[in-house]
């Protein structure tokens, strides 16, 4: 594919965000259909890669596992773990649609467990396939490991094919975020945690808690998310967004675990195991990139005065 440059890449990213937001705007069924299609395409692509490597590559690359590599420091190892956690990001988003899920007490835990197992198996199998055809040094230096492996297996055309599949995979991941994210803002508004303005009759909501009269979707939340995501694309690079997401995401994961210690006494041992892991990721990100981590923290902290202001009497209606 021809290089797009920085502006072209940002334009494509924003176009993808707006396109998927428009699809989800017109109905949850349309959004879930697109998500299902991309998930199926992704799994088929992974299966095709694994079969191609197994059939066309007789054995491990002679230098795949014997290449000398520098011993990573603990800090570098933890940064690698953070990148790995980012690739698994989104595992929790199935909970966002709990209010629209049939029998969520059973369905959500089952979906989390099965989904994580499938993703883990796919990731392990793909990495084993890459090491089967590429030297370890190539894997370490490459920014397009899948495309490089495909070129070794089926020639130059393989790199282009896998690049297209990576685009499909990225589009599918974005589709999941666009589908799930607005449900959080919508639910928070309906619970009185996000400000909304009611019409004089008290029935027509004009902000995050609004539901489209025709499509029955949280359309204001979808539009707000699309706008904010586009702003982030314009103002930040992938690396800066990655750092801010990991830092703030695990900060809130840790806070949620703390909440469980108070609310669910019978689950107290489980959150205690989760908290140190969250703290380790957060502290390591601060140490590795204090500037971007600080920006992420400031963005979160900026919501505190707004929250306390809107929680004052007569600012939020209870219903």
C-alpha atoms as a PDB file:
ATOM      1  CA  UNK A   1       0.000   0.000   0.000  1.00  0.00           C
ATOM      2  CA  UNK A   2       1.167   3.526  -0.764  1.00  0.00           C
ATOM      3  CA  UNK A   3       2.278   5.486   2.314  1.00  0.00           C
ATOM      4  CA  UNK A   4      -0.307   8.016   3.412  1.00  0.00           C
ATOM      5  CA  UNK A   5       1.875  10.273   5.488  1.00  0.00           C
ATOM      6  CA  UNK A   6       0.894  11.721   8.842  1.00  0.00           C
ATOM      7  CA  UNK A   7      -2.057  13.785   7.609  1.00  0.00           C
ATOM      8  CA  UNK A   8      -3.363  10.992   5.423  1.00  0.00           C
ATOM      9  CA  UNK A   9      -3.183   8.491   8.281  1.00  0.00           C
ATOM     10  CA  UNK A  10      -5.096  10.817  10.591  1.00  0.00           C
ATOM     11  CA  UNK A  11      -7.698  11.483   7.894  1.00  0.00           C
ATOM     12  CA  UNK A  12      -8.257   7.753   7.361  1.00  0.00           C
ATOM     13  CA  UNK A  13      -8.527   7.182  11.120  1.00  0.00           C
ATOM     14  CA  UNK A  14     -11.113   9.939  11.532  1.00  0.00           C
ATOM     15  CA  UNK A  15     -13.052   8.676   8.510  1.00  0.00           C
ATOM     16  CA  UNK A  16     -13.191   5.192  10.040  1.00  0.00           C
ATOM     17  CA  UNK A  17     -14.415   6.608  13.366  1.00  0.00           C
ATOM     18  CA  UNK A  18     -17.142   8.663  11.708  1.00  0.00           C
ATOM     19  CA  UNK A  19     -18.250   5.817   9.423  1.00  0.00           C
ATOM     20  CA  UNK A  20     -18.628   3.317  12.254  1.00  0.00           C
ATOM     21  CA  UNK A  21     -20.294   5.924  14.458  1.00  0.00           C
ATOM     22  CA  UNK A  22     -22.841   6.568  11.706  1.00  0.00           C
ATOM     23  CA  UNK A  23     -23.563   2.831  11.444  1.00  0.00           C
ATOM     24  CA  UNK A  24     -24.098   2.537  15.198  1.00  0.00           C
ATOM     25  CA  UNK A  25     -26.177   5.721  15.189  1.00  0.00           C
ATOM     26  CA  UNK A  26     -28.866   4.085  13.057  1.00  0.00           C
ATOM     27  CA  UNK A  27     -29.233   1.008  15.247  1.00  0.00           C
ATOM     28  CA  UNK A  28     -27.553  -1.469  17.567  1.00  0.00           C
ATOM     29  CA  UNK A  29     -28.432  -4.286  15.182  1.00  0.00           C
ATOM     30  CA  UNK A  30     -26.493  -2.626  12.362  1.00  0.00           C
ATOM     31  CA  UNK A  31     -23.523  -2.046  14.646  1.00  0.00           C
ATOM     32  CA  UNK A  32     -23.530  -5.586  16.022  1.00  0.00           C
ATOM     33  CA  UNK A  33     -23.832  -7.028  12.499  1.00  0.00           C
ATOM     34  CA  UNK A  34     -20.738  -5.116  11.390  1.00  0.00           C
ATOM     35  CA  UNK A  35     -18.898  -6.208  14.539  1.00  0.00           C
ATOM     36  CA  UNK A  36     -19.818  -9.857  13.995  1.00  0.00           C
ATOM     37  CA  UNK A  37     -18.698  -9.692  10.358  1.00  0.00           C
ATOM     38  CA  UNK A  38     -15.305  -8.230  11.230  1.00  0.00           C
ATOM     39  CA  UNK A  39     -14.784 -10.700  14.071  1.00  0.00           C
ATOM     40  CA  UNK A  40     -15.542 -13.616  11.748  1.00  0.00           C
ATOM     41  CA  UNK A  41     -13.201 -12.197   9.087  1.00  0.00           C
ATOM     42  CA  UNK A  42     -10.457 -11.793  11.676  1.00  0.00           C
ATOM     43  CA  UNK A  43     -10.762 -15.384  12.915  1.00  0.00           C
ATOM     44  CA  UNK A  44     -10.804 -16.726   9.351  1.00  0.00           C
ATOM     45  CA  UNK A  45      -7.694 -14.695   8.540  1.00  0.00           C
ATOM     46  CA  UNK A  46      -5.867 -16.036  11.583  1.00  0.00           C
ATOM     47  CA  UNK A  47      -6.846 -19.570  10.625  1.00  0.00           C
ATOM     48  CA  UNK A  48      -5.625 -19.027   7.052  1.00  0.00           C
ATOM     49  CA  UNK A  49      -2.249 -17.745   8.274  1.00  0.00           C
ATOM     50  CA  UNK A  50      -1.781 -20.698  10.617  1.00  0.00           C
ATOM     51  CA  UNK A  51      -2.704 -23.221   7.915  1.00  0.00           C
ATOM     52  CA  UNK A  52      -0.392 -21.554   5.379  1.00  0.00           C
ATOM     53  CA  UNK A  53       2.544 -21.640   7.789  1.00  0.00           C
ATOM     54  CA  UNK A  54       1.879 -25.256   8.798  1.00  0.00           C
ATOM     55  CA  UNK A  55       1.561 -26.477   5.193  1.00  0.00           C
ATOM     56  CA  UNK A  56       4.177 -24.391   3.381  1.00  0.00           C
ATOM     57  CA  UNK A  57       6.906 -24.133   6.021  1.00  0.00           C
ATOM     58  CA  UNK A  58       8.318 -27.563   6.943  1.00  0.00           C
ATOM     59  CA  UNK A  59      10.112 -26.604  10.127  1.00  0.00           C
ATOM     60  CA  UNK A  60      11.345 -23.824  12.363  1.00  0.00           C
ATOM     61  CA  UNK A  61      13.584 -21.176  10.911  1.00  0.00           C
ATOM     62  CA  UNK A  62      17.127 -22.293  11.853  1.00  0.00           C
ATOM     63  CA  UNK A  63      17.829 -18.949  13.489  1.00  0.00           C
ATOM     64  CA  UNK A  64      14.387 -18.339  14.902  1.00  0.00           C
ATOM     65  CA  UNK A  65      15.094 -19.265  18.488  1.00  0.00           C
ATOM     66  CA  UNK A  66      18.880 -19.258  18.542  1.00  0.00           C
ATOM     67  CA  UNK A  67      19.451 -15.584  17.729  1.00  0.00           C
ATOM     68  CA  UNK A  68      21.222 -13.690  20.430  1.00  0.00           C
ATOM     69  CA  UNK A  69      19.159 -11.044  22.116  1.00  0.00           C
ATOM     70  CA  UNK A  70      20.003  -8.555  24.817  1.00  0.00           C
ATOM     71  CA  UNK A  71      18.640  -9.309  28.246  1.00  0.00           C
ATOM     72  CA  UNK A  72      15.818  -6.839  28.907  1.00  0.00           C
ATOM     73  CA  UNK A  73      15.763  -4.845  32.115  1.00  0.00           C
ATOM     74  CA  UNK A  74      12.846  -5.130  34.522  1.00  0.00           C
ATOM     75  CA  UNK A  75      11.590  -1.746  33.293  1.00  0.00           C
ATOM     76  CA  UNK A  76      11.737  -2.852  29.646  1.00  0.00           C
ATOM     77  CA  UNK A  77      10.016  -6.104  30.532  1.00  0.00           C
ATOM     78  CA  UNK A  78       7.193  -4.233  32.258  1.00  0.00           C
ATOM     79  CA  UNK A  79       6.828  -1.910  29.270  1.00  0.00           C
ATOM     80  CA  UNK A  80       6.514  -4.990  27.090  1.00  0.00           C
ATOM     81  CA  UNK A  81       3.843  -6.303  29.436  1.00  0.00           C
ATOM     82  CA  UNK A  82       1.996  -2.979  29.113  1.00  0.00           C
ATOM     83  CA  UNK A  83       2.051  -3.274  25.326  1.00  0.00           C
ATOM     84  CA  UNK A  84       0.739  -6.830  25.640  1.00  0.00           C
ATOM     85  CA  UNK A  85      -2.055  -5.679  27.926  1.00  0.00           C
ATOM     86  CA  UNK A  86      -2.973  -3.027  25.363  1.00  0.00           C
ATOM     87  CA  UNK A  87      -3.340  -5.704  22.675  1.00  0.00           C
ATOM     88  CA  UNK A  88      -5.771  -7.538  24.965  1.00  0.00           C
ATOM     89  CA  UNK A  89      -7.624  -4.278  25.609  1.00  0.00           C
ATOM     90  CA  UNK A  90     -11.353  -4.446  25.150  1.00  0.00           C
ATOM     91  CA  UNK A  91     -11.833  -7.759  26.937  1.00  0.00           C
ATOM     92  CA  UNK A  92     -14.017  -5.991  29.499  1.00  0.00           C
ATOM     93  CA  UNK A  93     -16.221  -4.155  27.007  1.00  0.00           C
ATOM     94  CA  UNK A  94     -18.716  -6.997  26.854  1.00  0.00           C
ATOM     95  CA  UNK A  95     -19.904  -5.793  30.266  1.00  0.00           C
ATOM     96  CA  UNK A  96     -20.924  -2.435  28.758  1.00  0.00           C
ATOM     97  CA  UNK A  97     -23.911  -4.051  27.089  1.00  0.00           C
ATOM     98  CA  UNK A  98     -25.054  -5.936  30.198  1.00  0.00           C
ATOM     99  CA  UNK A  99     -28.280  -3.922  30.311  1.00  0.00           C
ATOM    100  CA  UNK A 100     -29.169  -5.152  26.811  1.00  0.00           C
ATOM    101  CA  UNK A 101     -28.054  -8.751  27.405  1.00  0.00           C
ATOM    102  CA  UNK A 102     -30.375 -11.633  28.154  1.00  0.00           C
ATOM    103  CA  UNK A 103     -29.508 -13.354  31.461  1.00  0.00           C
ATOM    104  CA  UNK A 104     -26.367 -11.200  31.999  1.00  0.00           C
ATOM    105  CA  UNK A 105     -25.396 -12.925  35.280  1.00  0.00           C
ATOM    106  CA  UNK A 106     -24.572 -16.073  33.324  1.00  0.00           C
ATOM    107  CA  UNK A 107     -23.918 -14.746  29.827  1.00  0.00           C
ATOM    108  CA  UNK A 108     -21.347 -12.061  30.702  1.00  0.00           C
ATOM    109  CA  UNK A 109     -18.956 -14.248  32.781  1.00  0.00           C
ATOM    110  CA  UNK A 110     -19.186 -17.002  30.160  1.00  0.00           C
ATOM    111  CA  UNK A 111     -18.447 -14.552  27.357  1.00  0.00           C
ATOM    112  CA  UNK A 112     -15.476 -13.098  29.251  1.00  0.00           C
ATOM    113  CA  UNK A 113     -13.962 -16.511  29.924  1.00  0.00           C
ATOM    114  CA  UNK A 114     -14.508 -17.983  26.457  1.00  0.00           C
ATOM    115  CA  UNK A 115     -13.478 -14.766  24.704  1.00  0.00           C
ATOM    116  CA  UNK A 116     -10.216 -14.469  26.636  1.00  0.00           C
ATOM    117  CA  UNK A 117      -9.380 -18.121  26.011  1.00  0.00           C
ATOM    118  CA  UNK A 118      -9.969 -17.764  22.263  1.00  0.00           C
ATOM    119  CA  UNK A 119      -7.910 -14.569  22.038  1.00  0.00           C
ATOM    120  CA  UNK A 120      -5.061 -16.074  24.077  1.00  0.00           C
ATOM    121  CA  UNK A 121      -4.918 -19.202  21.916  1.00  0.00           C
ATOM    122  CA  UNK A 122      -4.965 -17.091  18.731  1.00  0.00           C
ATOM    123  CA  UNK A 123      -2.168 -14.817  19.959  1.00  0.00           C
ATOM    124  CA  UNK A 124       0.039 -17.703  21.083  1.00  0.00           C
ATOM    125  CA  UNK A 125      -0.517 -19.600  17.836  1.00  0.00           C
ATOM    126  CA  UNK A 126       0.234 -16.536  15.691  1.00  0.00           C
ATOM    127  CA  UNK A 127       3.450 -15.746  17.546  1.00  0.00           C
ATOM    128  CA  UNK A 128       4.546 -19.363  17.235  1.00  0.00           C
ATOM    129  CA  UNK A 129       3.857 -19.122  13.489  1.00  0.00           C
ATOM    130  CA  UNK A 130       5.927 -15.943  13.177  1.00  0.00           C
ATOM    131  CA  UNK A 131       8.876 -17.558  14.966  1.00  0.00           C
ATOM    132  CA  UNK A 132       8.546 -20.566  12.696  1.00  0.00           C
ATOM    133  CA  UNK A 133       9.400 -18.502   9.607  1.00  0.00           C
ATOM    134  CA  UNK A 134      11.342 -15.480  10.879  1.00  0.00           C
ATOM    135  CA  UNK A 135      14.588 -15.109  12.842  1.00  0.00           C
ATOM    136  CA  UNK A 136      14.085 -13.688  16.304  1.00  0.00           C
ATOM    137  CA  UNK A 137      16.175 -10.623  15.414  1.00  0.00           C
ATOM    138  CA  UNK A 138      13.817  -9.872  12.518  1.00  0.00           C
ATOM    139  CA  UNK A 139      10.798 -10.193  14.800  1.00  0.00           C
ATOM    140  CA  UNK A 140      12.379  -7.820  17.320  1.00  0.00           C
ATOM    141  CA  UNK A 141      13.154  -5.145  14.724  1.00  0.00           C
ATOM    142  CA  UNK A 142      10.101  -5.447  12.496  1.00  0.00           C
ATOM    143  CA  UNK A 143       7.159  -3.067  12.738  1.00  0.00           C
ATOM    144  CA  UNK A 144       5.061  -5.335  10.464  1.00  0.00           C
ATOM    145  CA  UNK A 145       5.775  -8.847  11.691  1.00  0.00           C
ATOM    146  CA  UNK A 146       2.680 -10.436  10.144  1.00  0.00           C
ATOM    147  CA  UNK A 147       3.396  -8.954   6.698  1.00  0.00           C
ATOM    148  CA  UNK A 148       7.066  -9.970   6.868  1.00  0.00           C
ATOM    149  CA  UNK A 149       6.111 -13.538   7.792  1.00  0.00           C
ATOM    150  CA  UNK A 150       3.576 -13.690   4.949  1.00  0.00           C
ATOM    151  CA  UNK A 151       6.192 -12.532   2.441  1.00  0.00           C
ATOM    152  CA  UNK A 152       8.453 -15.393   3.508  1.00  0.00           C
ATOM    153  CA  UNK A 153       5.634 -17.935   3.138  1.00  0.00           C
ATOM    154  CA  UNK A 154       3.893 -16.901  -0.098  1.00  0.00           C
ATOM    155  CA  UNK A 155       6.044 -14.152  -1.590  1.00  0.00           C
ATOM    156  CA  UNK A 156       5.625 -10.410  -2.024  1.00  0.00           C
ATOM    157  CA  UNK A 157       1.865 -10.637  -2.529  1.00  0.00           C
ATOM    158  CA  UNK A 158       1.533 -12.225   0.909  1.00  0.00           C
ATOM    159  CA  UNK A 159       2.691  -9.027   2.586  1.00  0.00           C
ATOM    160  CA  UNK A 160       0.004  -6.991   0.838  1.00  0.00           C
ATOM    161  CA  UNK A 161      -2.680  -9.557   1.675  1.00  0.00           C
ATOM    162  CA  UNK A 162      -1.764  -9.634   5.359  1.00  0.00           C
ATOM    163  CA  UNK A 163      -1.564  -5.833   5.466  1.00  0.00           C
ATOM    164  CA  UNK A 164      -5.158  -5.767   4.229  1.00  0.00           C
ATOM    165  CA  UNK A 165      -6.129  -8.301   6.903  1.00  0.00           C
ATOM    166  CA  UNK A 166      -4.475  -6.151   9.568  1.00  0.00           C
ATOM    167  CA  UNK A 167      -6.593  -3.216   8.387  1.00  0.00           C
ATOM    168  CA  UNK A 168      -9.697  -5.401   8.703  1.00  0.00           C
ATOM    169  CA  UNK A 169      -8.600  -6.421  12.199  1.00  0.00           C
ATOM    170  CA  UNK A 170      -8.018  -2.818  13.263  1.00  0.00           C
ATOM    171  CA  UNK A 171     -11.372  -1.792  11.807  1.00  0.00           C
ATOM    172  CA  UNK A 172     -13.037  -4.589  13.770  1.00  0.00           C
ATOM    173  CA  UNK A 173     -11.392  -3.494  17.009  1.00  0.00           C
ATOM    174  CA  UNK A 174     -12.509   0.073  16.397  1.00  0.00           C
ATOM    175  CA  UNK A 175     -16.024  -1.164  15.650  1.00  0.00           C
ATOM    176  CA  UNK A 176     -16.195  -2.836  19.053  1.00  0.00           C
ATOM    177  CA  UNK A 177     -15.133   0.348  20.835  1.00  0.00           C
ATOM    178  CA  UNK A 178     -17.610   2.491  18.910  1.00  0.00           C
ATOM    179  CA  UNK A 179     -20.389   0.019  19.680  1.00  0.00           C
ATOM    180  CA  UNK A 180     -19.634  -0.414  23.389  1.00  0.00           C
ATOM    181  CA  UNK A 181     -18.323   2.965  24.543  1.00  0.00           C
ATOM    182  CA  UNK A 182     -21.496   5.073  24.254  1.00  0.00           C
ATOM    183  CA  UNK A 183     -23.373   2.549  26.413  1.00  0.00           C
ATOM    184  CA  UNK A 184     -21.228   3.659  29.360  1.00  0.00           C
ATOM    185  CA  UNK A 185     -21.999   7.365  28.910  1.00  0.00           C
ATOM    186  CA  UNK A 186     -25.656   6.581  28.290  1.00  0.00           C
ATOM    187  CA  UNK A 187     -25.972   4.427  31.424  1.00  0.00           C
ATOM    188  CA  UNK A 188     -24.086   6.979  33.524  1.00  0.00           C
ATOM    189  CA  UNK A 189     -26.434   9.732  32.386  1.00  0.00           C
ATOM    190  CA  UNK A 190     -29.510   7.621  33.088  1.00  0.00           C
ATOM    191  CA  UNK A 191     -28.136   6.987  36.590  1.00  0.00           C
ATOM    192  CA  UNK A 192     -27.628  10.708  37.155  1.00  0.00           C
ATOM    193  CA  UNK A 193     -23.822  10.640  36.951  1.00  0.00           C
ATOM    194  CA  UNK A 194     -23.519  12.649  33.733  1.00  0.00           C
ATOM    195  CA  UNK A 195     -25.332  15.917  33.250  1.00  0.00           C
ATOM    196  CA  UNK A 196     -28.270  15.973  30.915  1.00  0.00           C
ATOM    197  CA  UNK A 197     -30.789  18.702  30.149  1.00  0.00           C
ATOM    198  CA  UNK A 198     -34.444  17.815  30.119  1.00  0.00           C
ATOM    199  CA  UNK A 199     -37.102  19.470  28.040  1.00  0.00           C
ATOM    200  CA  UNK A 200     -39.889  21.280  29.826  1.00  0.00           C
ATOM    201  CA  UNK A 201     -42.055  18.193  29.862  1.00  0.00           C
ATOM    202  CA  UNK A 202     -39.222  16.292  31.534  1.00  0.00           C
ATOM    203  CA  UNK A 203     -39.362  13.496  28.983  1.00  0.00           C
ATOM    204  CA  UNK A 204     -37.060  14.486  26.116  1.00  0.00           C
ATOM    205  CA  UNK A 205     -33.420  14.280  27.178  1.00  0.00           C
ATOM    206  CA  UNK A 206     -30.947  16.411  25.244  1.00  0.00           C
ATOM    207  CA  UNK A 207     -27.561  15.013  26.264  1.00  0.00           C
ATOM    208  CA  UNK A 208     -25.791  11.776  27.118  1.00  0.00           C
ATOM    209  CA  UNK A 209     -28.912  10.099  28.452  1.00  0.00           C
ATOM    210  CA  UNK A 210     -30.876  10.767  25.292  1.00  0.00           C
ATOM    211  CA  UNK A 211     -32.355   7.958  23.224  1.00  0.00           C
ATOM    212  CA  UNK A 212     -33.091   8.512  19.555  1.00  0.00           C
ATOM    213  CA  UNK A 213     -36.884   8.448  19.012  1.00  0.00           C
ATOM    214  CA  UNK A 214     -36.593   6.441  15.787  1.00  0.00           C
ATOM    215  CA  UNK A 215     -33.418   4.344  16.073  1.00  0.00           C
ATOM    216  CA  UNK A 216     -33.540   3.834  19.878  1.00  0.00           C
ATOM    217  CA  UNK A 217     -29.795   4.347  20.165  1.00  0.00           C
ATOM    218  CA  UNK A 218     -27.804   6.598  22.540  1.00  0.00           C
ATOM    219  CA  UNK A 219     -27.217   8.972  19.636  1.00  0.00           C
ATOM    220  CA  UNK A 220     -25.886  11.935  21.623  1.00  0.00           C
ATOM    221  CA  UNK A 221     -23.373   9.685  23.385  1.00  0.00           C
ATOM    222  CA  UNK A 222     -22.313   8.229  20.025  1.00  0.00           C
ATOM    223  CA  UNK A 223     -21.813  11.701  18.536  1.00  0.00           C
ATOM    224  CA  UNK A 224     -19.901  12.908  21.603  1.00  0.00           C
ATOM    225  CA  UNK A 225     -17.590   9.900  21.487  1.00  0.00           C
ATOM    226  CA  UNK A 226     -16.954  10.344  17.744  1.00  0.00           C
ATOM    227  CA  UNK A 227     -16.114  14.017  18.249  1.00  0.00           C
ATOM    228  CA  UNK A 228     -13.756  13.402  21.172  1.00  0.00           C
ATOM    229  CA  UNK A 229     -12.045  10.462  19.446  1.00  0.00           C
ATOM    230  CA  UNK A 230     -11.464  12.618  16.365  1.00  0.00           C
ATOM    231  CA  UNK A 231      -9.937  15.347  18.529  1.00  0.00           C
ATOM    232  CA  UNK A 232      -7.566  12.803  20.080  1.00  0.00           C
ATOM    233  CA  UNK A 233      -6.535  11.552  16.637  1.00  0.00           C
ATOM    234  CA  UNK A 234      -5.752  15.097  15.486  1.00  0.00           C
ATOM    235  CA  UNK A 235      -3.828  16.103  18.621  1.00  0.00           C
ATOM    236  CA  UNK A 236      -1.896  12.957  19.488  1.00  0.00           C
ATOM    237  CA  UNK A 237       0.263  10.241  17.996  1.00  0.00           C
ATOM    238  CA  UNK A 238      -0.380   6.531  18.448  1.00  0.00           C
ATOM    239  CA  UNK A 239       2.334   6.353  21.100  1.00  0.00           C
ATOM    240  CA  UNK A 240       0.888   9.197  23.164  1.00  0.00           C
ATOM    241  CA  UNK A 241      -2.622   7.741  22.963  1.00  0.00           C
ATOM    242  CA  UNK A 242      -1.271   4.313  23.899  1.00  0.00           C
ATOM    243  CA  UNK A 243       0.444   5.685  27.015  1.00  0.00           C
ATOM    244  CA  UNK A 244      -2.582   7.682  28.134  1.00  0.00           C
ATOM    245  CA  UNK A 245      -4.981   4.788  27.553  1.00  0.00           C
ATOM    246  CA  UNK A 246      -2.901   2.221  29.450  1.00  0.00           C
ATOM    247  CA  UNK A 247      -2.271   4.598  32.332  1.00  0.00           C
ATOM    248  CA  UNK A 248      -5.841   5.799  32.812  1.00  0.00           C
ATOM    249  CA  UNK A 249      -7.423   2.424  32.029  1.00  0.00           C
ATOM    250  CA  UNK A 250      -5.480   0.563  34.705  1.00  0.00           C
ATOM    251  CA  UNK A 251      -5.940   3.442  37.115  1.00  0.00           C
ATOM    252  CA  UNK A 252      -9.697   2.933  36.844  1.00  0.00           C
ATOM    253  CA  UNK A 253      -9.341  -0.852  36.932  1.00  0.00           C
ATOM    254  CA  UNK A 254      -7.591  -0.438  40.275  1.00  0.00           C
ATOM    255  CA  UNK A 255     -10.256   1.949  41.560  1.00  0.00           C
ATOM    256  CA  UNK A 256     -12.952  -0.536  40.539  1.00  0.00           C
ATOM    257  CA  UNK A 257     -11.144  -3.258  42.479  1.00  0.00           C
ATOM    258  CA  UNK A 258     -11.004  -0.968  45.511  1.00  0.00           C
ATOM    259  CA  UNK A 259     -14.736  -0.436  45.189  1.00  0.00           C
ATOM    260  CA  UNK A 260     -15.278  -4.190  45.209  1.00  0.00           C
ATOM    261  CA  UNK A 261     -13.398  -4.440  48.504  1.00  0.00           C
ATOM    262  CA  UNK A 262     -16.019  -2.179  50.034  1.00  0.00           C
ATOM    263  CA  UNK A 263     -19.133  -3.386  48.217  1.00  0.00           C
ATOM    264  CA  UNK A 264     -18.554  -7.128  47.938  1.00  0.00           C
ATOM    265  CA  UNK A 265     -16.993  -8.444  51.106  1.00  0.00           C
ATOM    266  CA  UNK A 266     -17.225 -12.037  49.970  1.00  0.00           C
ATOM    267  CA  UNK A 267     -14.968 -11.185  46.994  1.00  0.00           C
ATOM    268  CA  UNK A 268     -12.267  -9.477  49.044  1.00  0.00           C
ATOM    269  CA  UNK A 269      -9.387 -11.898  48.273  1.00  0.00           C
ATOM    270  CA  UNK A 270      -9.845 -11.533  44.492  1.00  0.00           C
ATOM    271  CA  UNK A 271      -9.462  -7.707  44.287  1.00  0.00           C
ATOM    272  CA  UNK A 272      -6.387  -7.905  46.522  1.00  0.00           C
ATOM    273  CA  UNK A 273      -4.704 -10.028  43.857  1.00  0.00           C
ATOM    274  CA  UNK A 274      -5.681  -7.595  41.103  1.00  0.00           C
ATOM    275  CA  UNK A 275      -4.675  -4.337  42.815  1.00  0.00           C
ATOM    276  CA  UNK A 276      -0.870  -4.870  42.856  1.00  0.00           C
ATOM    277  CA  UNK A 277      -0.900  -5.674  39.131  1.00  0.00           C
ATOM    278  CA  UNK A 278      -2.795  -2.458  38.358  1.00  0.00           C
ATOM    279  CA  UNK A 279      -0.484  -0.435  40.596  1.00  0.00           C
ATOM    280  CA  UNK A 280       2.585  -1.920  38.898  1.00  0.00           C
ATOM    281  CA  UNK A 281       1.336  -0.996  35.422  1.00  0.00           C
ATOM    282  CA  UNK A 282       0.381   2.549  36.478  1.00  0.00           C
ATOM    283  CA  UNK A 283       3.661   3.236  38.300  1.00  0.00           C
ATOM    284  CA  UNK A 284       5.725   1.807  35.455  1.00  0.00           C
ATOM    285  CA  UNK A 285       3.936   3.986  32.892  1.00  0.00           C
ATOM    286  CA  UNK A 286       4.574   7.076  35.025  1.00  0.00           C
ATOM    287  CA  UNK A 287       8.253   6.161  35.242  1.00  0.00           C
ATOM    288  CA  UNK A 288       8.572   5.351  31.536  1.00  0.00           C
ATOM    289  CA  UNK A 289       6.725   8.393  30.189  1.00  0.00           C
ATOM    290  CA  UNK A 290       5.992  10.929  32.932  1.00  0.00           C
ATOM    291  CA  UNK A 291       4.848  13.649  30.514  1.00  0.00           C
ATOM    292  CA  UNK A 292       2.113  11.686  28.744  1.00  0.00           C
ATOM    293  CA  UNK A 293       1.086   9.930  31.964  1.00  0.00           C
ATOM    294  CA  UNK A 294       0.689  13.326  33.631  1.00  0.00           C
ATOM    295  CA  UNK A 295      -1.456  14.554  30.732  1.00  0.00           C
ATOM    296  CA  UNK A 296      -3.631  11.462  31.088  1.00  0.00           C
ATOM    297  CA  UNK A 297      -3.987  12.081  34.819  1.00  0.00           C
ATOM    298  CA  UNK A 298      -4.877  15.739  34.241  1.00  0.00           C
ATOM    299  CA  UNK A 299      -7.567  14.763  31.737  1.00  0.00           C
ATOM    300  CA  UNK A 300      -9.100  12.469  34.352  1.00  0.00           C
ATOM    301  CA  UNK A 301      -8.719  14.999  37.173  1.00  0.00           C
ATOM    302  CA  UNK A 302     -10.377  17.691  35.047  1.00  0.00           C
ATOM    303  CA  UNK A 303     -13.653  15.822  35.429  1.00  0.00           C
ATOM    304  CA  UNK A 304     -13.664  15.967  39.232  1.00  0.00           C
ATOM    305  CA  UNK A 305     -14.747  19.614  39.684  1.00  0.00           C
ATOM    306  CA  UNK A 306     -17.356  19.182  36.951  1.00  0.00           C
ATOM    307  CA  UNK A 307     -18.692  16.073  38.680  1.00  0.00           C
ATOM    308  CA  UNK A 308     -18.978  17.726  42.094  1.00  0.00           C
ATOM    309  CA  UNK A 309     -20.571  20.844  40.597  1.00  0.00           C
ATOM    310  CA  UNK A 310     -23.205  18.830  38.772  1.00  0.00           C
ATOM    311  CA  UNK A 311     -23.952  16.723  41.850  1.00  0.00           C
ATOM    312  CA  UNK A 312     -25.214  19.804  43.670  1.00  0.00           C
ATOM    313  CA  UNK A 313     -28.950  19.925  44.380  1.00  0.00           C
ATOM    314  CA  UNK A 314     -31.171  20.778  41.419  1.00  0.00           C
ATOM    315  CA  UNK A 315     -28.369  20.114  38.947  1.00  0.00           C
ATOM    316  CA  UNK A 316     -29.284  16.509  38.289  1.00  0.00           C
ATOM    317  CA  UNK A 317     -32.768  15.115  38.361  1.00  0.00           C
ATOM    318  CA  UNK A 318     -33.424  11.768  39.911  1.00  0.00           C
ATOM    319  CA  UNK A 319     -35.677   9.418  38.030  1.00  0.00           C
END
